[in-house]
Amino acid sequence: MTNAEQVRNLLNTHPKYQGKDNNGKSRQEFVAKIAAMTDEKLLDHTEHMIWLSAYAGNNPRSDYHWQVSACYDEWTARDKAEQYTVAYEAAKASAGC
């Protein structure tokens, strides 16, 4: 099994991606949504999720934390993990850091 296949399997089976989010939606719907995104769309979405996760830093139950993890795992599954760093740097710059 390739690394990408292992990560894709993780996205489909890991407990943090199972069940419902805080709004009652399936976490697998989010995973499927980001898997269907183009690289450009996923890059924008990842930047946004990183910013939201940081903004929700005082709330450990926030959905944004597992969603940003799912974005990282999706980039890893695409064998483009460096794109997560690009999104992180963009989010950091937009926050003025």
C-alpha atoms as a PDB file:
ATOM      1  CA  MET A   1       0.000   0.000   0.000  1.00  0.00           C
ATOM      2  CA  THR A   2       1.410   3.403  -0.967  1.00  0.00           C
ATOM      3  CA  ASN A   3       1.661   6.289   1.455  1.00  0.00           C
ATOM      4  CA  ALA A   4      -1.192   8.060  -0.345  1.00  0.00           C
ATOM      5  CA  GLU A   5      -3.381   4.963  -0.008  1.00  0.00           C
ATOM      6  CA  GLN A   6      -2.541   4.692   3.690  1.00  0.00           C
ATOM      7  CA  VAL A   7      -3.492   8.323   4.274  1.00  0.00           C
ATOM      8  CA  ARG A   8      -6.694   7.972   2.235  1.00  0.00           C
ATOM      9  CA  ASN A   9      -7.547   4.945   4.395  1.00  0.00           C
ATOM     10  CA  LEU A  10      -6.868   7.048   7.501  1.00  0.00           C
ATOM     11  CA  LEU A  11      -9.243   9.733   6.249  1.00  0.00           C
ATOM     12  CA  ASN A  12     -11.952   7.123   5.812  1.00  0.00           C
ATOM     13  CA  THR A  13     -11.437   5.174   9.038  1.00  0.00           C
ATOM     14  CA  HIS A  14      -9.805   7.308  11.733  1.00  0.00           C
ATOM     15  CA  PRO A  15     -12.119   7.920  14.711  1.00  0.00           C
ATOM     16  CA  LYS A  16     -11.611  11.701  14.540  1.00  0.00           C
ATOM     17  CA  TYR A  17     -13.260  11.655  11.115  1.00  0.00           C
ATOM     18  CA  GLN A  18     -16.186   9.453  12.162  1.00  0.00           C
ATOM     19  CA  GLY A  19     -19.518  10.485  13.608  1.00  0.00           C
ATOM     20  CA  LYS A  20     -21.091  13.917  13.548  1.00  0.00           C
ATOM     21  CA  ASP A  21     -19.649  17.391  13.878  1.00  0.00           C
ATOM     22  CA  ASN A  22     -20.956  19.997  16.331  1.00  0.00           C
ATOM     23  CA  ASN A  23     -23.791  20.842  13.931  1.00  0.00           C
ATOM     24  CA  GLY A  24     -24.924  17.237  13.487  1.00  0.00           C
ATOM     25  CA  LYS A  25     -23.385  16.801  10.024  1.00  0.00           C
ATOM     26  CA  SER A  26     -21.371  13.727   9.122  1.00  0.00           C
ATOM     27  CA  ARG A  27     -17.639  14.304   9.438  1.00  0.00           C
ATOM     28  CA  GLN A  28     -17.196  12.025   6.420  1.00  0.00           C
ATOM     29  CA  GLU A  29     -19.143  14.599   4.344  1.00  0.00           C
ATOM     30  CA  PHE A  30     -16.405  17.140   5.077  1.00  0.00           C
ATOM     31  CA  VAL A  31     -13.684  14.612   4.245  1.00  0.00           C
ATOM     32  CA  ALA A  32     -15.417  13.765   0.951  1.00  0.00           C
ATOM     33  CA  LYS A  33     -15.897  17.468   0.156  1.00  0.00           C
ATOM     34  CA  ILE A  34     -12.224  18.321   0.509  1.00  0.00           C
ATOM     35  CA  ALA A  35     -11.181  15.184  -1.386  1.00  0.00           C
ATOM     36  CA  ALA A  36     -13.233  16.423  -4.344  1.00  0.00           C
ATOM     37  CA  MET A  37     -11.647  19.899  -4.352  1.00  0.00           C
ATOM     38  CA  THR A  38      -9.081  21.008  -6.887  1.00  0.00           C
ATOM     39  CA  ASP A  39      -5.640  21.805  -5.508  1.00  0.00           C
ATOM     40  CA  GLU A  40      -6.322  25.537  -5.852  1.00  0.00           C
ATOM     41  CA  LYS A  41      -9.629  25.320  -3.995  1.00  0.00           C
ATOM     42  CA  LEU A  42      -8.128  23.081  -1.316  1.00  0.00           C
ATOM     43  CA  LEU A  43      -5.259  25.529  -0.820  1.00  0.00           C
ATOM     44  CA  ASP A  44      -7.703  28.399  -0.211  1.00  0.00           C
ATOM     45  CA  HIS A  45      -9.859  26.207   2.026  1.00  0.00           C
ATOM     46  CA  THR A  46      -6.842  25.007   4.027  1.00  0.00           C
ATOM     47  CA  GLU A  47      -5.695  28.584   4.632  1.00  0.00           C
ATOM     48  CA  HIS A  48      -9.181  29.476   5.846  1.00  0.00           C
ATOM     49  CA  MET A  49      -9.385  26.411   8.121  1.00  0.00           C
ATOM     50  CA  ILE A  50      -5.960  27.174   9.623  1.00  0.00           C
ATOM     51  CA  TRP A  51      -7.067  30.719  10.415  1.00  0.00           C
ATOM     52  CA  LEU A  52     -10.361  29.534  11.921  1.00  0.00           C
ATOM     53  CA  SER A  53      -8.641  26.842  13.976  1.00  0.00           C
ATOM     54  CA  ALA A  54      -6.255  29.439  15.407  1.00  0.00           C
ATOM     55  CA  TYR A  55      -9.166  31.803  16.097  1.00  0.00           C
ATOM     56  CA  ALA A  56     -10.943  28.984  17.958  1.00  0.00           C
ATOM     57  CA  GLY A  57      -7.849  28.196  20.011  1.00  0.00           C
ATOM     58  CA  ASN A  58      -9.752  28.808  23.231  1.00  0.00           C
ATOM     59  CA  ASN A  59     -12.307  26.112  22.333  1.00  0.00           C
ATOM     60  CA  PRO A  60     -10.772  22.630  22.207  1.00  0.00           C
ATOM     61  CA  ARG A  61     -14.080  21.167  20.963  1.00  0.00           C
ATOM     62  CA  SER A  62     -14.219  23.368  17.876  1.00  0.00           C
ATOM     63  CA  ASP A  63     -14.768  21.514  14.614  1.00  0.00           C
ATOM     64  CA  TYR A  64     -12.101  23.665  12.996  1.00  0.00           C
ATOM     65  CA  HIS A  65      -9.346  21.692  14.743  1.00  0.00           C
ATOM     66  CA  TRP A  66     -10.222  18.299  13.250  1.00  0.00           C
ATOM     67  CA  GLN A  67     -11.121  19.946   9.929  1.00  0.00           C
ATOM     68  CA  VAL A  68      -7.667  21.484   9.601  1.00  0.00           C
ATOM     69  CA  SER A  69      -6.190  18.063  10.416  1.00  0.00           C
ATOM     70  CA  ALA A  70      -8.299  16.593   7.619  1.00  0.00           C
ATOM     71  CA  CYS A  71      -6.922  19.233   5.231  1.00  0.00           C
ATOM     72  CA  TYR A  72      -3.374  18.266   6.193  1.00  0.00           C
ATOM     73  CA  ASP A  73      -4.186  14.586   5.704  1.00  0.00           C
ATOM     74  CA  GLU A  74      -5.753  15.335   2.310  1.00  0.00           C
ATOM     75  CA  TRP A  75      -2.595  17.146   1.175  1.00  0.00           C
ATOM     76  CA  THR A  76      -0.561  14.185   2.382  1.00  0.00           C
ATOM     77  CA  ALA A  77      -2.809  11.805   0.455  1.00  0.00           C
ATOM     78  CA  ARG A  78      -2.160  13.903  -2.666  1.00  0.00           C
ATOM     79  CA  ASP A  79       1.588  13.648  -1.963  1.00  0.00           C
ATOM     80  CA  LYS A  80       1.725  17.442  -1.700  1.00  0.00           C
ATOM     81  CA  ALA A  81       2.156  18.012   2.033  1.00  0.00           C
ATOM     82  CA  GLU A  82       4.241  21.113   1.308  1.00  0.00           C
ATOM     83  CA  GLN A  83       1.026  22.832   0.195  1.00  0.00           C
ATOM     84  CA  TYR A  84      -0.159  22.760   3.806  1.00  0.00           C
ATOM     85  CA  THR A  85       2.898  24.837   4.705  1.00  0.00           C
ATOM     86  CA  VAL A  86       2.066  27.270   1.895  1.00  0.00           C
ATOM     87  CA  ALA A  87      -1.461  27.643   3.310  1.00  0.00           C
ATOM     88  CA  TYR A  88      -0.084  28.026   6.844  1.00  0.00           C
ATOM     89  CA  GLU A  89       2.281  30.800   5.790  1.00  0.00           C
ATOM     90  CA  ALA A  90      -0.546  32.576   3.930  1.00  0.00           C
ATOM     91  CA  ALA A  91      -2.825  32.341   6.980  1.00  0.00           C
ATOM     92  CA  LYS A  92      -0.029  33.631   9.190  1.00  0.00           C
ATOM     93  CA  ALA A  93       0.607  36.570   6.851  1.00  0.00           C
ATOM     94  CA  SER A  94      -3.098  37.436   6.661  1.00  0.00           C
ATOM     95  CA  ALA A  95      -3.169  37.548  10.474  1.00  0.00           C
ATOM     96  CA  GLY A  96      -0.286  40.005  10.447  1.00  0.00           C
ATOM     97  CA  CYS A  97       2.242  37.652  12.008  1.00  0.00           C
END
